């Protein structure tokens, strides 16, 4: 491995948010990054010293009009939407030995621009007689909420590297999502917001998988990961659908300061369950093309930016497509060398 690649790894391995998640946790995904130069893909390069990082992710969605929300209600469809999510992460990690590391990730989430046609306020407005039909198909019945902010759940992630020949590395990944987040936000009309749009999920979750880091040449590095995620029931008898995520990243270290990266990130989620019933307007598959760029300030520090664009979306039922997202971050890796 080249000296440049070593400095990239030591400066980036945690800066890129190993194990990050933006209520991501309730949406069936974790944003993860580590390894030789990837931003979203978890690699198998183990931390050589303590490291910490900060990261901001923003997701933007296409939205339905108020009239479309009314039409969905007339058809008996319970539909909610929001315009944007902002997630802010702080991560701290350390090596246990040369082949094992642990990372803790803390997050603050904010969902913004809600509209709901199926909460208590909306139903009482659409159906003032309470007979199960829509007597008042007015757009004024759509329930708006400005935002749902708060601290999210805590994610603990570990990696054990069981293969390393100097060029190729493979590690097993294990993780625990601890329900430390806020689950008590209310709509602008005073109703408790659904768990899927709370900053926290209220339930424990587990993740496991494999990660790979290797060099295709002296300048080109590759990271890959496969992560499965399993959820227990959380607040208000809500359980996110189990999911898996597949990531592949290629980075080119063309000189000492900048590392461009191109990634494919795929998220495949089952439908959610609430009150022992499947939520038909949930779950689905999304694949992103994610170009990014890292700048190595020095041997310990890096900053990076990444743009995600969905190139394939197959969502179950009636849901908002994700339009695009971006990530910006900074990280610092201590060095004893």
C-alpha atoms as a PDB file:
ATOM      1  CA  UNK A   1       0.000   0.000   0.000  1.00  0.00           C
ATOM      2  CA  UNK A   2       1.384   3.421  -0.938  1.00  0.00           C
ATOM      3  CA  UNK A   3       2.221   6.085   1.637  1.00  0.00           C
ATOM      4  CA  UNK A   4      -0.484   8.275   0.155  1.00  0.00           C
ATOM      5  CA  UNK A   5      -3.073   5.505   0.510  1.00  0.00           C
ATOM      6  CA  UNK A   6      -2.049   5.011   4.147  1.00  0.00           C
ATOM      7  CA  UNK A   7      -2.535   8.686   4.921  1.00  0.00           C
ATOM      8  CA  UNK A   8      -5.907   8.647   3.186  1.00  0.00           C
ATOM      9  CA  UNK A   9      -7.014   5.671   5.227  1.00  0.00           C
ATOM     10  CA  UNK A  10      -5.861   7.035   8.581  1.00  0.00           C
ATOM     11  CA  UNK A  11      -7.423  10.446   7.975  1.00  0.00           C
ATOM     12  CA  UNK A  12     -10.697   9.216   6.470  1.00  0.00           C
ATOM     13  CA  UNK A  13     -11.517   5.952   8.124  1.00  0.00           C
ATOM     14  CA  UNK A  14     -13.823   7.529  10.679  1.00  0.00           C
ATOM     15  CA  UNK A  15     -14.276  10.979   9.183  1.00  0.00           C
ATOM     16  CA  UNK A  16     -16.511   9.377   6.628  1.00  0.00           C
ATOM     17  CA  UNK A  17     -19.028   8.405   9.234  1.00  0.00           C
ATOM     18  CA  UNK A  18     -18.488   4.709   9.903  1.00  0.00           C
ATOM     19  CA  UNK A  19     -21.919   3.525  10.890  1.00  0.00           C
ATOM     20  CA  UNK A  20     -23.755   6.828  10.408  1.00  0.00           C
ATOM     21  CA  UNK A  21     -27.509   6.889  10.192  1.00  0.00           C
ATOM     22  CA  UNK A  22     -30.057   9.554   9.663  1.00  0.00           C
ATOM     23  CA  UNK A  23     -33.442   8.632  10.842  1.00  0.00           C
ATOM     24  CA  UNK A  24     -32.190   6.774   8.335  1.00  0.00           C
ATOM     25  CA  UNK A  25     -32.738   4.270  11.099  1.00  0.00           C
ATOM     26  CA  UNK A  26     -36.490   4.548  10.826  1.00  0.00           C
ATOM     27  CA  UNK A  27     -36.295   4.615   7.058  1.00  0.00           C
ATOM     28  CA  UNK A  28     -34.417   1.362   6.871  1.00  0.00           C
ATOM     29  CA  UNK A  29     -30.909   2.452   6.068  1.00  0.00           C
ATOM     30  CA  UNK A  30     -27.619   3.542   7.513  1.00  0.00           C
ATOM     31  CA  UNK A  31     -25.241   5.904   5.805  1.00  0.00           C
ATOM     32  CA  UNK A  32     -21.824   4.481   6.323  1.00  0.00           C
ATOM     33  CA  UNK A  33     -18.336   5.280   5.180  1.00  0.00           C
ATOM     34  CA  UNK A  34     -14.801   4.238   5.902  1.00  0.00           C
ATOM     35  CA  UNK A  35     -11.946   2.548   4.126  1.00  0.00           C
ATOM     36  CA  UNK A  36      -9.462   3.784   1.583  1.00  0.00           C
ATOM     37  CA  UNK A  37     -11.438   6.709   0.239  1.00  0.00           C
ATOM     38  CA  UNK A  38     -15.171   5.982   0.084  1.00  0.00           C
ATOM     39  CA  UNK A  39     -17.711   8.321   1.621  1.00  0.00           C
ATOM     40  CA  UNK A  40     -20.840   6.166   1.998  1.00  0.00           C
ATOM     41  CA  UNK A  41     -19.443   2.647   1.716  1.00  0.00           C
ATOM     42  CA  UNK A  42     -18.085   0.846   4.755  1.00  0.00           C
ATOM     43  CA  UNK A  43     -14.700  -0.682   4.029  1.00  0.00           C
ATOM     44  CA  UNK A  44     -12.635  -3.250   5.923  1.00  0.00           C
ATOM     45  CA  UNK A  45      -9.615  -1.052   6.826  1.00  0.00           C
ATOM     46  CA  UNK A  46      -9.461  -1.085  10.628  1.00  0.00           C
ATOM     47  CA  UNK A  47      -8.748   2.060  12.630  1.00  0.00           C
ATOM     48  CA  UNK A  48      -5.127   2.380  13.689  1.00  0.00           C
ATOM     49  CA  UNK A  49      -5.848   4.991  16.378  1.00  0.00           C
ATOM     50  CA  UNK A  50      -8.730   7.003  17.823  1.00  0.00           C
ATOM     51  CA  UNK A  51     -10.720   9.115  15.387  1.00  0.00           C
ATOM     52  CA  UNK A  52     -13.814  11.268  15.332  1.00  0.00           C
ATOM     53  CA  UNK A  53     -15.879  13.090  12.733  1.00  0.00           C
ATOM     54  CA  UNK A  54     -18.851  15.315  11.994  1.00  0.00           C
ATOM     55  CA  UNK A  55     -21.223  14.931   9.072  1.00  0.00           C
ATOM     56  CA  UNK A  56     -24.350  16.639   7.704  1.00  0.00           C
ATOM     57  CA  UNK A  57     -26.745  14.823   5.392  1.00  0.00           C
ATOM     58  CA  UNK A  58     -29.751  16.395   3.682  1.00  0.00           C
ATOM     59  CA  UNK A  59     -32.431  14.469   1.747  1.00  0.00           C
ATOM     60  CA  UNK A  60     -34.965  16.184  -0.522  1.00  0.00           C
ATOM     61  CA  UNK A  61     -38.193  14.666  -1.849  1.00  0.00           C
ATOM     62  CA  UNK A  62     -40.735  15.279  -4.565  1.00  0.00           C
ATOM     63  CA  UNK A  63     -44.099  16.149  -3.004  1.00  0.00           C
ATOM     64  CA  UNK A  64     -47.800  15.716  -3.768  1.00  0.00           C
ATOM     65  CA  UNK A  65     -50.126  18.688  -4.142  1.00  0.00           C
ATOM     66  CA  UNK A  66     -52.828  19.283  -1.534  1.00  0.00           C
ATOM     67  CA  UNK A  67     -55.451  18.229  -4.081  1.00  0.00           C
ATOM     68  CA  UNK A  68     -53.633  14.951  -4.695  1.00  0.00           C
ATOM     69  CA  UNK A  69     -53.607  14.357  -0.937  1.00  0.00           C
ATOM     70  CA  UNK A  70     -57.390  14.939  -0.883  1.00  0.00           C
ATOM     71  CA  UNK A  71     -57.898  12.564  -3.805  1.00  0.00           C
ATOM     72  CA  UNK A  72     -55.893   9.891  -1.985  1.00  0.00           C
ATOM     73  CA  UNK A  73     -58.152  10.318   1.072  1.00  0.00           C
ATOM     74  CA  UNK A  74     -61.299   9.981  -1.060  1.00  0.00           C
ATOM     75  CA  UNK A  75     -59.869   6.673  -2.331  1.00  0.00           C
ATOM     76  CA  UNK A  76     -59.308   5.550   1.260  1.00  0.00           C
ATOM     77  CA  UNK A  77     -55.519   5.953   1.121  1.00  0.00           C
ATOM     78  CA  UNK A  78     -53.734   7.121   4.279  1.00  0.00           C
ATOM     79  CA  UNK A  79     -50.797   9.161   2.924  1.00  0.00           C
ATOM     80  CA  UNK A  80     -48.286  11.408   4.653  1.00  0.00           C
ATOM     81  CA  UNK A  81     -45.289  13.221   3.211  1.00  0.00           C
ATOM     82  CA  UNK A  82     -42.456  15.563   4.108  1.00  0.00           C
ATOM     83  CA  UNK A  83     -40.226  17.742   1.970  1.00  0.00           C
ATOM     84  CA  UNK A  84     -36.805  17.402   3.572  1.00  0.00           C
ATOM     85  CA  UNK A  85     -34.689  15.638   6.178  1.00  0.00           C
ATOM     86  CA  UNK A  86     -31.557  17.011   7.822  1.00  0.00           C
ATOM     87  CA  UNK A  87     -29.346  14.721   9.885  1.00  0.00           C
ATOM     88  CA  UNK A  88     -26.244  15.762  11.837  1.00  0.00           C
ATOM     89  CA  UNK A  89     -23.799  13.117  13.066  1.00  0.00           C
ATOM     90  CA  UNK A  90     -20.940  12.914  15.525  1.00  0.00           C
ATOM     91  CA  UNK A  91     -18.913   9.702  15.507  1.00  0.00           C
ATOM     92  CA  UNK A  92     -16.090   8.457  17.684  1.00  0.00           C
ATOM     93  CA  UNK A  93     -14.139   5.239  17.127  1.00  0.00           C
ATOM     94  CA  UNK A  94     -11.074   3.395  18.333  1.00  0.00           C
ATOM     95  CA  UNK A  95      -9.187   0.171  17.639  1.00  0.00           C
ATOM     96  CA  UNK A  96      -9.459  -2.716  20.094  1.00  0.00           C
ATOM     97  CA  UNK A  97      -6.600  -4.530  18.397  1.00  0.00           C
ATOM     98  CA  UNK A  98      -5.103  -4.573  14.917  1.00  0.00           C
ATOM     99  CA  UNK A  99      -8.108  -6.452  13.481  1.00  0.00           C
ATOM    100  CA  UNK A 100     -11.034  -5.097  15.536  1.00  0.00           C
ATOM    101  CA  UNK A 101     -12.475  -1.609  15.951  1.00  0.00           C
ATOM    102  CA  UNK A 102     -15.579  -0.082  17.554  1.00  0.00           C
ATOM    103  CA  UNK A 103     -17.442   3.075  16.598  1.00  0.00           C
ATOM    104  CA  UNK A 104     -20.138   5.079  18.411  1.00  0.00           C
ATOM    105  CA  UNK A 105     -22.393   7.362  16.424  1.00  0.00           C
ATOM    106  CA  UNK A 106     -24.739  10.032  17.810  1.00  0.00           C
ATOM    107  CA  UNK A 107     -27.197  11.949  15.671  1.00  0.00           C
ATOM    108  CA  UNK A 108     -29.597  14.896  15.600  1.00  0.00           C
ATOM    109  CA  UNK A 109     -32.434  14.683  13.063  1.00  0.00           C
ATOM    110  CA  UNK A 110     -35.023  17.092  11.713  1.00  0.00           C
ATOM    111  CA  UNK A 111     -37.892  16.175   9.382  1.00  0.00           C
ATOM    112  CA  UNK A 112     -39.457  19.229   7.735  1.00  0.00           C
ATOM    113  CA  UNK A 113     -42.532  20.230   5.710  1.00  0.00           C
ATOM    114  CA  UNK A 114     -45.100  17.599   6.736  1.00  0.00           C
ATOM    115  CA  UNK A 115     -48.537  17.055   5.266  1.00  0.00           C
ATOM    116  CA  UNK A 116     -50.873  14.252   6.374  1.00  0.00           C
ATOM    117  CA  UNK A 117     -54.315  13.202   5.167  1.00  0.00           C
ATOM    118  CA  UNK A 118     -54.826  10.478   7.758  1.00  0.00           C
ATOM    119  CA  UNK A 119     -54.116  11.778  11.271  1.00  0.00           C
ATOM    120  CA  UNK A 120     -56.954  12.536  13.701  1.00  0.00           C
ATOM    121  CA  UNK A 121     -57.218  16.196  12.678  1.00  0.00           C
ATOM    122  CA  UNK A 122     -57.492  15.340   8.979  1.00  0.00           C
ATOM    123  CA  UNK A 123     -59.967  12.476   9.481  1.00  0.00           C
ATOM    124  CA  UNK A 124     -62.271  14.581  11.669  1.00  0.00           C
ATOM    125  CA  UNK A 125     -62.234  17.320   9.022  1.00  0.00           C
ATOM    126  CA  UNK A 126     -62.797  15.010   6.048  1.00  0.00           C
ATOM    127  CA  UNK A 127     -65.426  12.929   7.860  1.00  0.00           C
ATOM    128  CA  UNK A 128     -67.247  15.172  10.363  1.00  0.00           C
ATOM    129  CA  UNK A 129     -70.103  12.644  10.625  1.00  0.00           C
ATOM    130  CA  UNK A 130     -67.767   9.854  11.593  1.00  0.00           C
ATOM    131  CA  UNK A 131     -69.367   7.321   9.259  1.00  0.00           C
ATOM    132  CA  UNK A 132     -66.197   6.405   7.359  1.00  0.00           C
ATOM    133  CA  UNK A 133     -66.898   8.457   4.225  1.00  0.00           C
ATOM    134  CA  UNK A 134     -65.450  11.764   3.002  1.00  0.00           C
ATOM    135  CA  UNK A 135     -68.188  14.387   3.291  1.00  0.00           C
ATOM    136  CA  UNK A 136     -65.816  17.357   3.162  1.00  0.00           C
ATOM    137  CA  UNK A 137     -63.171  16.852   0.420  1.00  0.00           C
ATOM    138  CA  UNK A 138     -61.430  20.166   1.132  1.00  0.00           C
ATOM    139  CA  UNK A 139     -57.718  20.887   0.893  1.00  0.00           C
ATOM    140  CA  UNK A 140     -58.052  22.727   4.222  1.00  0.00           C
ATOM    141  CA  UNK A 141     -58.387  19.311   5.862  1.00  0.00           C
ATOM    142  CA  UNK A 142     -54.783  18.406   5.093  1.00  0.00           C
ATOM    143  CA  UNK A 143     -52.859  18.426   8.374  1.00  0.00           C
ATOM    144  CA  UNK A 144     -49.574  20.414   8.142  1.00  0.00           C
ATOM    145  CA  UNK A 145     -46.597  20.280  10.506  1.00  0.00           C
ATOM    146  CA  UNK A 146     -43.529  22.475  10.192  1.00  0.00           C
ATOM    147  CA  UNK A 147     -40.869  20.135  11.581  1.00  0.00           C
ATOM    148  CA  UNK A 148     -39.969  17.201  13.827  1.00  0.00           C
ATOM    149  CA  UNK A 149     -36.513  17.814  15.363  1.00  0.00           C
ATOM    150  CA  UNK A 150     -34.565  16.048  18.093  1.00  0.00           C
ATOM    151  CA  UNK A 151     -31.800  13.650  19.028  1.00  0.00           C
ATOM    152  CA  UNK A 152     -31.884  10.321  17.238  1.00  0.00           C
ATOM    153  CA  UNK A 153     -30.944   6.802  18.267  1.00  0.00           C
ATOM    154  CA  UNK A 154     -27.362   5.756  19.020  1.00  0.00           C
ATOM    155  CA  UNK A 155     -25.563   3.308  16.744  1.00  0.00           C
ATOM    156  CA  UNK A 156     -22.671   1.124  17.926  1.00  0.00           C
ATOM    157  CA  UNK A 157     -20.782  -0.615  15.114  1.00  0.00           C
ATOM    158  CA  UNK A 158     -17.872  -3.023  15.197  1.00  0.00           C
ATOM    159  CA  UNK A 159     -15.727  -4.607  12.521  1.00  0.00           C
ATOM    160  CA  UNK A 160     -13.557  -7.702  12.776  1.00  0.00           C
ATOM    161  CA  UNK A 161     -11.042  -8.129   9.949  1.00  0.00           C
ATOM    162  CA  UNK A 162     -10.491 -11.820   9.340  1.00  0.00           C
ATOM    163  CA  UNK A 163      -8.506 -11.579   6.094  1.00  0.00           C
ATOM    164  CA  UNK A 164      -5.672  -9.245   5.124  1.00  0.00           C
ATOM    165  CA  UNK A 165      -2.966 -10.051   2.593  1.00  0.00           C
ATOM    166  CA  UNK A 166      -1.736  -6.472   2.244  1.00  0.00           C
ATOM    167  CA  UNK A 167      -3.770  -5.800  -0.903  1.00  0.00           C
ATOM    168  CA  UNK A 168      -7.201  -7.187  -0.038  1.00  0.00           C
ATOM    169  CA  UNK A 169      -8.992  -6.979   3.311  1.00  0.00           C
ATOM    170  CA  UNK A 170     -12.303  -8.537   4.409  1.00  0.00           C
ATOM    171  CA  UNK A 171     -14.130  -7.872   7.677  1.00  0.00           C
ATOM    172  CA  UNK A 172     -17.340  -8.941   9.365  1.00  0.00           C
ATOM    173  CA  UNK A 173     -19.599  -6.132  10.559  1.00  0.00           C
ATOM    174  CA  UNK A 174     -21.881  -6.157  13.583  1.00  0.00           C
ATOM    175  CA  UNK A 175     -23.942  -3.386  15.104  1.00  0.00           C
ATOM    176  CA  UNK A 176     -26.611  -2.411  17.611  1.00  0.00           C
ATOM    177  CA  UNK A 177     -29.051   0.490  17.349  1.00  0.00           C
ATOM    178  CA  UNK A 178     -29.955   1.705  20.841  1.00  0.00           C
ATOM    179  CA  UNK A 179     -33.300   3.587  21.186  1.00  0.00           C
ATOM    180  CA  UNK A 180     -32.036   6.789  22.808  1.00  0.00           C
ATOM    181  CA  UNK A 181     -33.841   9.218  20.467  1.00  0.00           C
ATOM    182  CA  UNK A 182     -36.801  11.542  20.883  1.00  0.00           C
ATOM    183  CA  UNK A 183     -40.177   9.883  20.097  1.00  0.00           C
ATOM    184  CA  UNK A 184     -42.551  12.513  21.508  1.00  0.00           C
ATOM    185  CA  UNK A 185     -42.817  15.225  18.857  1.00  0.00           C
ATOM    186  CA  UNK A 186     -46.317  16.400  17.973  1.00  0.00           C
ATOM    187  CA  UNK A 187     -47.974  17.855  14.895  1.00  0.00           C
ATOM    188  CA  UNK A 188     -48.894  21.529  14.708  1.00  0.00           C
ATOM    189  CA  UNK A 189     -52.396  20.398  15.765  1.00  0.00           C
ATOM    190  CA  UNK A 190     -51.104  18.646  18.897  1.00  0.00           C
ATOM    191  CA  UNK A 191     -51.238  15.004  17.769  1.00  0.00           C
ATOM    192  CA  UNK A 192     -48.317  12.646  18.340  1.00  0.00           C
ATOM    193  CA  UNK A 193     -46.361  12.296  15.080  1.00  0.00           C
ATOM    194  CA  UNK A 194     -46.030   8.782  13.660  1.00  0.00           C
ATOM    195  CA  UNK A 195     -42.939   6.892  14.791  1.00  0.00           C
ATOM    196  CA  UNK A 196     -41.527   6.766  11.241  1.00  0.00           C
ATOM    197  CA  UNK A 197     -41.159  10.558  11.365  1.00  0.00           C
ATOM    198  CA  UNK A 198     -39.851  10.875  14.919  1.00  0.00           C
ATOM    199  CA  UNK A 199     -36.131  11.622  15.414  1.00  0.00           C
ATOM    200  CA  UNK A 200     -35.826   8.273  17.227  1.00  0.00           C
ATOM    201  CA  UNK A 201     -37.482   4.925  16.652  1.00  0.00           C
ATOM    202  CA  UNK A 202     -38.162   3.685  20.190  1.00  0.00           C
ATOM    203  CA  UNK A 203     -36.954   0.150  19.441  1.00  0.00           C
ATOM    204  CA  UNK A 204     -33.725  -1.818  19.300  1.00  0.00           C
ATOM    205  CA  UNK A 205     -32.292  -2.904  15.942  1.00  0.00           C
ATOM    206  CA  UNK A 206     -29.403  -5.094  14.869  1.00  0.00           C
ATOM    207  CA  UNK A 207     -27.145  -5.073  11.848  1.00  0.00           C
ATOM    208  CA  UNK A 208     -24.635  -7.544  10.486  1.00  0.00           C
ATOM    209  CA  UNK A 209     -22.713  -8.017   7.283  1.00  0.00           C
ATOM    210  CA  UNK A 210     -19.379  -7.945   5.509  1.00  0.00           C
ATOM    211  CA  UNK A 211     -17.016  -5.257   4.266  1.00  0.00           C
ATOM    212  CA  UNK A 212     -14.158  -5.290   1.768  1.00  0.00           C
ATOM    213  CA  UNK A 213     -11.264  -2.951   1.001  1.00  0.00           C
ATOM    214  CA  UNK A 214      -8.732  -3.524  -1.738  1.00  0.00           C
ATOM    215  CA  UNK A 215      -6.491  -1.875  -4.297  1.00  0.00           C
ATOM    216  CA  UNK A 216      -7.060  -2.424  -7.984  1.00  0.00           C
ATOM    217  CA  UNK A 217      -3.804  -0.596  -8.696  1.00  0.00           C
ATOM    218  CA  UNK A 218      -1.387   1.775  -6.962  1.00  0.00           C
ATOM    219  CA  UNK A 219      -3.829   4.654  -7.496  1.00  0.00           C
ATOM    220  CA  UNK A 220      -7.270   3.000  -7.547  1.00  0.00           C
ATOM    221  CA  UNK A 221      -8.898   1.683  -4.360  1.00  0.00           C
ATOM    222  CA  UNK A 222     -12.210  -0.121  -3.931  1.00  0.00           C
ATOM    223  CA  UNK A 223     -14.551  -0.550  -0.949  1.00  0.00           C
ATOM    224  CA  UNK A 224     -17.652  -2.750  -0.851  1.00  0.00           C
ATOM    225  CA  UNK A 225     -20.195  -3.660   1.789  1.00  0.00           C
ATOM    226  CA  UNK A 226     -23.276  -5.791   2.381  1.00  0.00           C
ATOM    227  CA  UNK A 227     -25.296  -5.016   5.513  1.00  0.00           C
ATOM    228  CA  UNK A 228     -28.504  -6.630   6.795  1.00  0.00           C
ATOM    229  CA  UNK A 229     -30.685  -4.792   9.302  1.00  0.00           C
ATOM    230  CA  UNK A 230     -33.313  -6.318  11.605  1.00  0.00           C
ATOM    231  CA  UNK A 231     -35.733  -4.281  13.735  1.00  0.00           C
ATOM    232  CA  UNK A 232     -37.648  -4.930  16.923  1.00  0.00           C
ATOM    233  CA  UNK A 233     -40.970  -3.188  17.580  1.00  0.00           C
ATOM    234  CA  UNK A 234     -40.599   0.407  18.698  1.00  0.00           C
ATOM    235  CA  UNK A 235     -42.894   3.231  19.793  1.00  0.00           C
ATOM    236  CA  UNK A 236     -46.652   3.052  19.077  1.00  0.00           C
ATOM    237  CA  UNK A 237     -46.344  -0.612  18.009  1.00  0.00           C
ATOM    238  CA  UNK A 238     -44.350   0.405  14.932  1.00  0.00           C
ATOM    239  CA  UNK A 239     -41.615  -1.748  13.416  1.00  0.00           C
ATOM    240  CA  UNK A 240     -39.634  -0.602  10.360  1.00  0.00           C
ATOM    241  CA  UNK A 241     -39.290  -3.164   7.621  1.00  0.00           C
ATOM    242  CA  UNK A 242     -36.119  -5.237   7.729  1.00  0.00           C
ATOM    243  CA  UNK A 243     -33.663  -4.200   5.046  1.00  0.00           C
ATOM    244  CA  UNK A 244     -30.321  -4.760   3.443  1.00  0.00           C
ATOM    245  CA  UNK A 245     -27.895  -2.350   1.844  1.00  0.00           C
ATOM    246  CA  UNK A 246     -25.318  -3.006  -0.870  1.00  0.00           C
ATOM    247  CA  UNK A 247     -22.495  -0.514  -1.488  1.00  0.00           C
ATOM    248  CA  UNK A 248     -19.617  -0.309  -3.948  1.00  0.00           C
ATOM    249  CA  UNK A 249     -17.090   2.534  -4.162  1.00  0.00           C
ATOM    250  CA  UNK A 250     -14.076   3.227  -6.346  1.00  0.00           C
ATOM    251  CA  UNK A 251     -11.682   6.063  -5.498  1.00  0.00           C
ATOM    252  CA  UNK A 252      -8.769   7.483  -7.461  1.00  0.00           C
ATOM    253  CA  UNK A 253      -5.875   9.038  -5.604  1.00  0.00           C
ATOM    254  CA  UNK A 254      -4.421  11.098  -8.456  1.00  0.00           C
ATOM    255  CA  UNK A 255      -2.222  13.189  -6.145  1.00  0.00           C
ATOM    256  CA  UNK A 256      -1.752  13.812  -2.447  1.00  0.00           C
ATOM    257  CA  UNK A 257      -4.586  16.219  -1.629  1.00  0.00           C
ATOM    258  CA  UNK A 258      -7.754  15.296  -3.557  1.00  0.00           C
ATOM    259  CA  UNK A 259      -9.485  11.922  -3.870  1.00  0.00           C
ATOM    260  CA  UNK A 260     -12.494  11.693  -6.220  1.00  0.00           C
ATOM    261  CA  UNK A 261     -14.895   8.845  -5.504  1.00  0.00           C
ATOM    262  CA  UNK A 262     -17.760   7.220  -7.412  1.00  0.00           C
ATOM    263  CA  UNK A 263     -20.202   4.973  -5.557  1.00  0.00           C
ATOM    264  CA  UNK A 264     -23.281   2.824  -6.115  1.00  0.00           C
ATOM    265  CA  UNK A 265     -25.456   2.573  -3.003  1.00  0.00           C
ATOM    266  CA  UNK A 266     -28.516   0.329  -2.973  1.00  0.00           C
ATOM    267  CA  UNK A 267     -31.141   0.168  -0.186  1.00  0.00           C
ATOM    268  CA  UNK A 268     -33.767  -2.613  -0.258  1.00  0.00           C
ATOM    269  CA  UNK A 269     -36.453  -2.482   2.448  1.00  0.00           C
ATOM    270  CA  UNK A 270     -39.472  -4.575   3.385  1.00  0.00           C
ATOM    271  CA  UNK A 271     -42.735  -2.867   4.314  1.00  0.00           C
ATOM    272  CA  UNK A 272     -43.249  -1.424   7.794  1.00  0.00           C
ATOM    273  CA  UNK A 273     -45.621  -2.970  10.329  1.00  0.00           C
ATOM    274  CA  UNK A 274     -47.845  -0.953  12.688  1.00  0.00           C
ATOM    275  CA  UNK A 275     -50.381  -2.402  15.123  1.00  0.00           C
ATOM    276  CA  UNK A 276     -49.658  -5.837  13.607  1.00  0.00           C
ATOM    277  CA  UNK A 277     -50.716  -4.620  10.153  1.00  0.00           C
ATOM    278  CA  UNK A 278     -48.466  -4.127   7.130  1.00  0.00           C
ATOM    279  CA  UNK A 279     -48.220  -0.493   6.039  1.00  0.00           C
ATOM    280  CA  UNK A 280     -48.828  -0.851   2.310  1.00  0.00           C
ATOM    281  CA  UNK A 281     -47.438   2.620   1.518  1.00  0.00           C
ATOM    282  CA  UNK A 282     -43.954   1.784   2.783  1.00  0.00           C
ATOM    283  CA  UNK A 283     -40.899  -0.214   1.775  1.00  0.00           C
ATOM    284  CA  UNK A 284     -39.250  -0.483  -1.615  1.00  0.00           C
ATOM    285  CA  UNK A 285     -35.923  -0.351  -3.386  1.00  0.00           C
ATOM    286  CA  UNK A 286     -33.655   2.570  -4.287  1.00  0.00           C
ATOM    287  CA  UNK A 287     -30.256   2.624  -5.988  1.00  0.00           C
ATOM    288  CA  UNK A 288     -28.101   5.777  -5.956  1.00  0.00           C
ATOM    289  CA  UNK A 289     -25.193   6.958  -8.060  1.00  0.00           C
ATOM    290  CA  UNK A 290     -23.025   8.971  -5.682  1.00  0.00           C
ATOM    291  CA  UNK A 291     -20.016  10.989  -6.877  1.00  0.00           C
ATOM    292  CA  UNK A 292     -17.896  12.621  -4.193  1.00  0.00           C
ATOM    293  CA  UNK A 293     -14.626  14.363  -3.437  1.00  0.00           C
ATOM    294  CA  UNK A 294     -12.356  14.289  -0.393  1.00  0.00           C
ATOM    295  CA  UNK A 295      -9.679  16.849   0.438  1.00  0.00           C
ATOM    296  CA  UNK A 296      -6.862  15.783   2.745  1.00  0.00           C
ATOM    297  CA  UNK A 297      -5.976  18.845   4.802  1.00  0.00           C
ATOM    298  CA  UNK A 298      -3.037  17.019   6.377  1.00  0.00           C
ATOM    299  CA  UNK A 299      -2.180  13.482   7.473  1.00  0.00           C
ATOM    300  CA  UNK A 300      -4.804  13.651  10.234  1.00  0.00           C
ATOM    301  CA  UNK A 301      -7.659  15.723   8.799  1.00  0.00           C
ATOM    302  CA  UNK A 302      -9.994  15.436   5.822  1.00  0.00           C
ATOM    303  CA  UNK A 303     -13.084  17.195   4.549  1.00  0.00           C
ATOM    304  CA  UNK A 304     -15.433  15.743   1.960  1.00  0.00           C
ATOM    305  CA  UNK A 305     -18.637  16.264   0.004  1.00  0.00           C
ATOM    306  CA  UNK A 306     -20.889  13.781  -1.729  1.00  0.00           C
ATOM    307  CA  UNK A 307     -23.989  14.036  -3.954  1.00  0.00           C
ATOM    308  CA  UNK A 308     -26.528  11.194  -4.148  1.00  0.00           C
ATOM    309  CA  UNK A 309     -28.832  10.852  -7.141  1.00  0.00           C
ATOM    310  CA  UNK A 310     -31.397   8.025  -7.328  1.00  0.00           C
ATOM    311  CA  UNK A 311     -31.023   6.172 -10.614  1.00  0.00           C
ATOM    312  CA  UNK A 312     -33.625   3.520  -9.737  1.00  0.00           C
ATOM    313  CA  UNK A 313     -36.629   3.749  -7.393  1.00  0.00           C
ATOM    314  CA  UNK A 314     -39.320   1.119  -6.978  1.00  0.00           C
ATOM    315  CA  UNK A 315     -41.324   2.122  -3.898  1.00  0.00           C
ATOM    316  CA  UNK A 316     -44.299   0.143  -2.603  1.00  0.00           C
ATOM    317  CA  UNK A 317     -47.698   1.859  -2.606  1.00  0.00           C
ATOM    318  CA  UNK A 318     -48.028   5.644  -2.574  1.00  0.00           C
ATOM    319  CA  UNK A 319     -44.799   7.316  -1.449  1.00  0.00           C
ATOM    320  CA  UNK A 320     -42.707  10.350  -2.317  1.00  0.00           C
ATOM    321  CA  UNK A 321     -39.738   9.697  -4.544  1.00  0.00           C
ATOM    322  CA  UNK A 322     -36.441  10.964  -3.229  1.00  0.00           C
ATOM    323  CA  UNK A 323     -35.178  13.692  -5.549  1.00  0.00           C
ATOM    324  CA  UNK A 324     -31.572  14.006  -4.334  1.00  0.00           C
ATOM    325  CA  UNK A 325     -29.390  14.298  -1.273  1.00  0.00           C
ATOM    326  CA  UNK A 326     -25.949  15.533  -0.302  1.00  0.00           C
ATOM    327  CA  UNK A 327     -23.413  14.877   2.446  1.00  0.00           C
ATOM    328  CA  UNK A 328     -20.726  17.187   3.852  1.00  0.00           C
ATOM    329  CA  UNK A 329     -18.279  16.168   6.557  1.00  0.00           C
ATOM    330  CA  UNK A 330     -15.005  16.586   8.401  1.00  0.00           C
ATOM    331  CA  UNK A 331     -12.929  14.105  10.323  1.00  0.00           C
ATOM    332  CA  UNK A 332      -9.837  13.862  12.431  1.00  0.00           C
ATOM    333  CA  UNK A 333      -7.751  10.733  12.975  1.00  0.00           C
ATOM    334  CA  UNK A 334      -5.138  10.661  15.722  1.00  0.00           C
ATOM    335  CA  UNK A 335      -1.803   9.181  14.724  1.00  0.00           C
ATOM    336  CA  UNK A 336       0.823   7.601  16.907  1.00  0.00           C
ATOM    337  CA  UNK A 337       3.257   7.230  13.961  1.00  0.00           C
END
